Amino acid sequence: MLLAIDVYYTSNGIANAVGVLFNWDDEEPQQTMQTHLENIAPYEPGAFYKRELPCLLSIINKVNIATLEAIIIDGYVYVDNNKTGGL
């Protein structure tokens, strides 16, 4: 089983985290989950754990992680010091 997660942030400190459980060969998701979080920390470069991590954990904590092959997180990062973008 795979878990894909994404988070949408609003300008007023609110976030919506969404997760989808699926297998590679599924035509439809096995399960979808959503959480609404308030009082989200402002964006701070290099401080993933303050803003993004609580949102991601709100979905991950709804799943038995022992059943997962991988967790796919939609996010944009720099993968090296030359600011090469990647997921």
N, C-alpha and C. Protein backbone atom coordinates (compact mmCIF):
# COMPACT_ATOMS: atom_id res chain seq x y z
N MET A 1 0.85 -1.17 0.00
CA MET A 1 0.00 0.00 0.00
C MET A 1 0.90 1.24 0.00
N LEU A 2 0.45 2.28 -0.68
CA LEU A 2 1.16 3.56 -0.76
C LEU A 2 0.28 4.65 -0.17
N LEU A 3 0.92 5.66 0.41
CA LEU A 3 0.21 6.81 0.93
C LEU A 3 0.78 8.05 0.26
N ALA A 4 -0.06 8.82 -0.41
CA ALA A 4 0.34 10.09 -1.01
C ALA A 4 -0.29 11.21 -0.19
N ILE A 5 0.53 12.24 0.14
CA ILE A 5 0.06 13.33 1.00
C ILE A 5 0.41 14.68 0.36
N ASP A 6 -0.51 15.62 0.52
CA ASP A 6 -0.24 16.99 0.13
C ASP A 6 -0.92 17.91 1.14
N VAL A 7 -0.42 19.14 1.25
CA VAL A 7 -0.98 20.12 2.18
C VAL A 7 -1.21 21.42 1.43
N TYR A 8 -2.36 22.03 1.69
CA TYR A 8 -2.70 23.33 1.12
C TYR A 8 -2.76 24.33 2.26
N TYR A 9 -2.05 25.44 2.13
CA TYR A 9 -2.00 26.47 3.17
C TYR A 9 -2.75 27.71 2.70
N THR A 10 -3.50 28.31 3.61
CA THR A 10 -4.14 29.58 3.32
C THR A 10 -3.31 30.70 3.93
N SER A 11 -3.65 31.92 3.62
CA SER A 11 -2.88 33.05 4.12
C SER A 11 -3.19 33.39 5.58
N ASN A 12 -4.21 32.78 6.15
CA ASN A 12 -4.59 33.11 7.52
C ASN A 12 -4.28 32.01 8.53
N GLY A 13 -3.21 31.23 8.30
CA GLY A 13 -2.77 30.24 9.27
C GLY A 13 -3.58 28.97 9.32
N ILE A 14 -4.28 28.66 8.26
CA ILE A 14 -5.08 27.43 8.18
C ILE A 14 -4.49 26.54 7.11
N ALA A 15 -4.54 25.22 7.36
CA ALA A 15 -4.04 24.26 6.39
C ALA A 15 -5.02 23.11 6.25
N ASN A 16 -5.06 22.54 5.07
CA ASN A 16 -5.82 21.32 4.80
C ASN A 16 -4.84 20.28 4.31
N ALA A 17 -4.75 19.17 5.02
CA ALA A 17 -3.89 18.07 4.63
C ALA A 17 -4.77 16.96 4.05
N VAL A 18 -4.32 16.37 2.96
CA VAL A 18 -5.07 15.32 2.28
C VAL A 18 -4.16 14.13 2.04
N GLY A 19 -4.68 12.94 2.28
CA GLY A 19 -3.94 11.72 2.02
C GLY A 19 -4.76 10.75 1.21
N VAL A 20 -4.08 9.98 0.37
CA VAL A 20 -4.73 8.96 -0.45
C VAL A 20 -3.97 7.65 -0.29
N LEU A 21 -4.67 6.60 0.09
CA LEU A 21 -4.09 5.25 0.17
C LEU A 21 -4.43 4.51 -1.11
N PHE A 22 -3.42 3.88 -1.71
CA PHE A 22 -3.66 3.16 -2.97
C PHE A 22 -2.54 2.15 -3.21
N ASN A 23 -2.80 1.27 -4.15
CA ASN A 23 -1.79 0.37 -4.70
C ASN A 23 -1.53 0.82 -6.12
N TRP A 24 -0.33 0.53 -6.64
CA TRP A 24 0.03 1.00 -7.99
C TRP A 24 -0.98 0.59 -9.04
N ASP A 25 -1.56 -0.58 -8.92
CA ASP A 25 -2.47 -1.07 -9.96
C ASP A 25 -3.94 -0.75 -9.69
N ASP A 26 -4.25 0.01 -8.66
CA ASP A 26 -5.64 0.39 -8.36
C ASP A 26 -6.17 1.38 -9.39
N GLU A 27 -7.43 1.18 -9.76
CA GLU A 27 -8.11 2.17 -10.60
C GLU A 27 -8.75 3.25 -9.76
N GLU A 28 -9.06 2.96 -8.51
CA GLU A 28 -9.65 3.89 -7.57
C GLU A 28 -8.85 3.84 -6.27
N PRO A 29 -8.79 4.95 -5.52
CA PRO A 29 -8.09 4.92 -4.23
C PRO A 29 -8.73 3.93 -3.26
N GLN A 30 -7.93 3.35 -2.40
CA GLN A 30 -8.46 2.49 -1.34
C GLN A 30 -9.18 3.35 -0.28
N GLN A 31 -8.60 4.51 0.01
CA GLN A 31 -9.16 5.40 1.03
C GLN A 31 -8.60 6.80 0.83
N THR A 32 -9.41 7.80 1.13
CA THR A 32 -8.92 9.19 1.16
C THR A 32 -9.18 9.75 2.55
N MET A 33 -8.28 10.63 2.98
CA MET A 33 -8.38 11.23 4.31
C MET A 33 -8.11 12.73 4.18
N GLN A 34 -8.73 13.51 5.05
CA GLN A 34 -8.49 14.95 5.05
C GLN A 34 -8.53 15.45 6.48
N THR A 35 -7.64 16.40 6.80
CA THR A 35 -7.68 17.07 8.10
C THR A 35 -7.59 18.57 7.87
N HIS A 36 -8.21 19.30 8.75
CA HIS A 36 -8.23 20.76 8.73
C HIS A 36 -7.48 21.21 9.98
N LEU A 37 -6.43 21.99 9.81
CA LEU A 37 -5.62 22.43 10.94
C LEU A 37 -5.59 23.95 11.01
N GLU A 38 -5.63 24.47 12.22
CA GLU A 38 -5.58 25.92 12.42
C GLU A 38 -4.32 26.30 13.18
N ASN A 39 -4.01 27.58 13.17
CA ASN A 39 -2.84 28.12 13.86
C ASN A 39 -1.54 27.50 13.37
N ILE A 40 -1.42 27.38 12.07
CA ILE A 40 -0.22 26.82 11.45
C ILE A 40 0.90 27.86 11.51
N ALA A 41 2.08 27.41 11.83
CA ALA A 41 3.24 28.31 11.91
C ALA A 41 3.51 28.94 10.54
N PRO A 42 4.02 30.16 10.51
CA PRO A 42 4.37 30.77 9.22
C PRO A 42 5.55 30.04 8.59
N TYR A 43 5.68 30.18 7.27
CA TYR A 43 6.79 29.54 6.55
C TYR A 43 8.11 30.10 7.05
N GLU A 44 9.03 29.18 7.32
CA GLU A 44 10.37 29.55 7.75
C GLU A 44 11.37 28.63 7.04
N PRO A 45 12.17 29.16 6.13
CA PRO A 45 13.12 28.31 5.39
C PRO A 45 13.97 27.46 6.35
N GLY A 46 14.07 26.18 6.05
CA GLY A 46 14.87 25.28 6.85
C GLY A 46 14.19 24.76 8.10
N ALA A 47 12.94 25.14 8.32
CA ALA A 47 12.21 24.71 9.52
C ALA A 47 10.98 23.89 9.14
N PHE A 48 11.17 22.89 8.32
CA PHE A 48 10.11 21.99 7.85
C PHE A 48 9.27 21.47 9.02
N TYR A 49 9.94 21.15 10.13
CA TYR A 49 9.27 20.55 11.28
C TYR A 49 8.25 21.48 11.95
N LYS A 50 8.34 22.76 11.73
CA LYS A 50 7.43 23.70 12.38
C LYS A 50 6.11 23.85 11.63
N ARG A 51 6.15 23.86 10.32
CA ARG A 51 4.95 24.13 9.52
C ARG A 51 4.42 22.87 8.84
N GLU A 52 5.26 22.22 8.05
CA GLU A 52 4.82 21.12 7.23
C GLU A 52 4.63 19.82 8.01
N LEU A 53 5.57 19.50 8.90
CA LEU A 53 5.53 18.21 9.57
C LEU A 53 4.26 17.97 10.38
N PRO A 54 3.76 18.92 11.16
CA PRO A 54 2.51 18.65 11.89
C PRO A 54 1.34 18.32 10.96
N CYS A 55 1.30 18.96 9.81
CA CYS A 55 0.23 18.69 8.84
C CYS A 55 0.35 17.28 8.27
N LEU A 56 1.57 16.90 7.90
CA LEU A 56 1.79 15.57 7.35
C LEU A 56 1.48 14.49 8.39
N LEU A 57 1.91 14.71 9.62
CA LEU A 57 1.66 13.73 10.68
C LEU A 57 0.18 13.58 10.98
N SER A 58 -0.61 14.64 10.76
CA SER A 58 -2.05 14.53 11.00
C SER A 58 -2.69 13.49 10.10
N ILE A 59 -2.12 13.27 8.93
CA ILE A 59 -2.60 12.22 8.02
C ILE A 59 -1.91 10.89 8.32
N ILE A 60 -0.59 10.91 8.48
CA ILE A 60 0.16 9.67 8.73
C ILE A 60 -0.36 8.96 9.98
N ASN A 61 -0.75 9.71 11.00
CA ASN A 61 -1.24 9.11 12.24
C ASN A 61 -2.58 8.40 12.07
N LYS A 62 -3.24 8.57 10.93
CA LYS A 62 -4.51 7.90 10.66
C LYS A 62 -4.31 6.53 10.00
N VAL A 63 -3.05 6.19 9.71
CA VAL A 63 -2.74 5.00 8.92
C VAL A 63 -1.86 4.05 9.72
N ASN A 64 -2.06 2.76 9.52
CA ASN A 64 -1.15 1.77 10.08
C ASN A 64 0.09 1.74 9.18
N ILE A 65 1.15 2.41 9.61
CA ILE A 65 2.32 2.54 8.73
C ILE A 65 3.01 1.21 8.45
N ALA A 66 2.73 0.18 9.25
CA ALA A 66 3.32 -1.14 8.99
C ALA A 66 2.80 -1.72 7.68
N THR A 67 1.67 -1.21 7.18
CA THR A 67 1.09 -1.72 5.93
C THR A 67 1.58 -0.97 4.70
N LEU A 68 2.42 0.07 4.91
CA LEU A 68 2.83 0.93 3.80
C LEU A 68 4.15 0.50 3.18
N GLU A 69 4.20 0.55 1.87
CA GLU A 69 5.44 0.34 1.12
C GLU A 69 6.22 1.65 1.05
N ALA A 70 5.49 2.76 0.91
CA ALA A 70 6.14 4.07 0.80
C ALA A 70 5.13 5.16 1.13
N ILE A 71 5.67 6.32 1.52
CA ILE A 71 4.88 7.54 1.70
C ILE A 71 5.40 8.54 0.68
N ILE A 72 4.50 9.05 -0.14
CA ILE A 72 4.85 10.02 -1.17
C ILE A 72 4.35 11.38 -0.71
N ILE A 73 5.27 12.33 -0.56
CA ILE A 73 4.92 13.67 -0.09
C ILE A 73 5.13 14.65 -1.23
N ASP A 74 4.07 15.38 -1.58
CA ASP A 74 4.18 16.38 -2.62
C ASP A 74 4.80 17.62 -2.01
N GLY A 75 5.98 17.97 -2.46
CA GLY A 75 6.63 19.14 -1.94
C GLY A 75 7.79 19.55 -2.82
N TYR A 76 8.10 20.82 -2.84
CA TYR A 76 9.19 21.34 -3.65
C TYR A 76 10.37 21.67 -2.76
N VAL A 77 11.54 21.18 -3.15
CA VAL A 77 12.75 21.41 -2.35
C VAL A 77 13.92 21.69 -3.28
N TYR A 78 14.96 22.24 -2.72
CA TYR A 78 16.24 22.31 -3.41
C TYR A 78 17.03 21.06 -3.06
N VAL A 79 17.57 20.38 -4.06
CA VAL A 79 18.26 19.11 -3.81
C VAL A 79 19.76 19.27 -3.69
N ASP A 80 20.27 20.48 -3.90
CA ASP A 80 21.70 20.72 -3.72
C ASP A 80 21.95 22.20 -3.46
N ASN A 81 23.20 22.56 -3.27
CA ASN A 81 23.56 23.95 -2.99
C ASN A 81 23.48 24.87 -4.19
N ASN A 82 23.25 24.30 -5.38
CA ASN A 82 23.11 25.11 -6.60
C ASN A 82 21.63 25.47 -6.84
N LYS A 83 20.79 25.17 -5.87
CA LYS A 83 19.36 25.43 -5.94
C LYS A 83 18.69 24.70 -7.10
N THR A 84 19.10 23.46 -7.30
CA THR A 84 18.44 22.59 -8.27
C THR A 84 17.13 22.11 -7.65
N GLY A 85 16.03 22.39 -8.32
CA GLY A 85 14.73 22.03 -7.78
C GLY A 85 14.40 20.56 -7.95
N GLY A 86 13.58 20.07 -7.08
CA GLY A 86 13.13 18.69 -7.16
C GLY A 86 11.99 18.43 -6.20
N LEU A 87 11.47 17.23 -6.26
CA LEU A 87 10.40 16.84 -5.33
C LEU A 87 10.97 15.93 -4.27
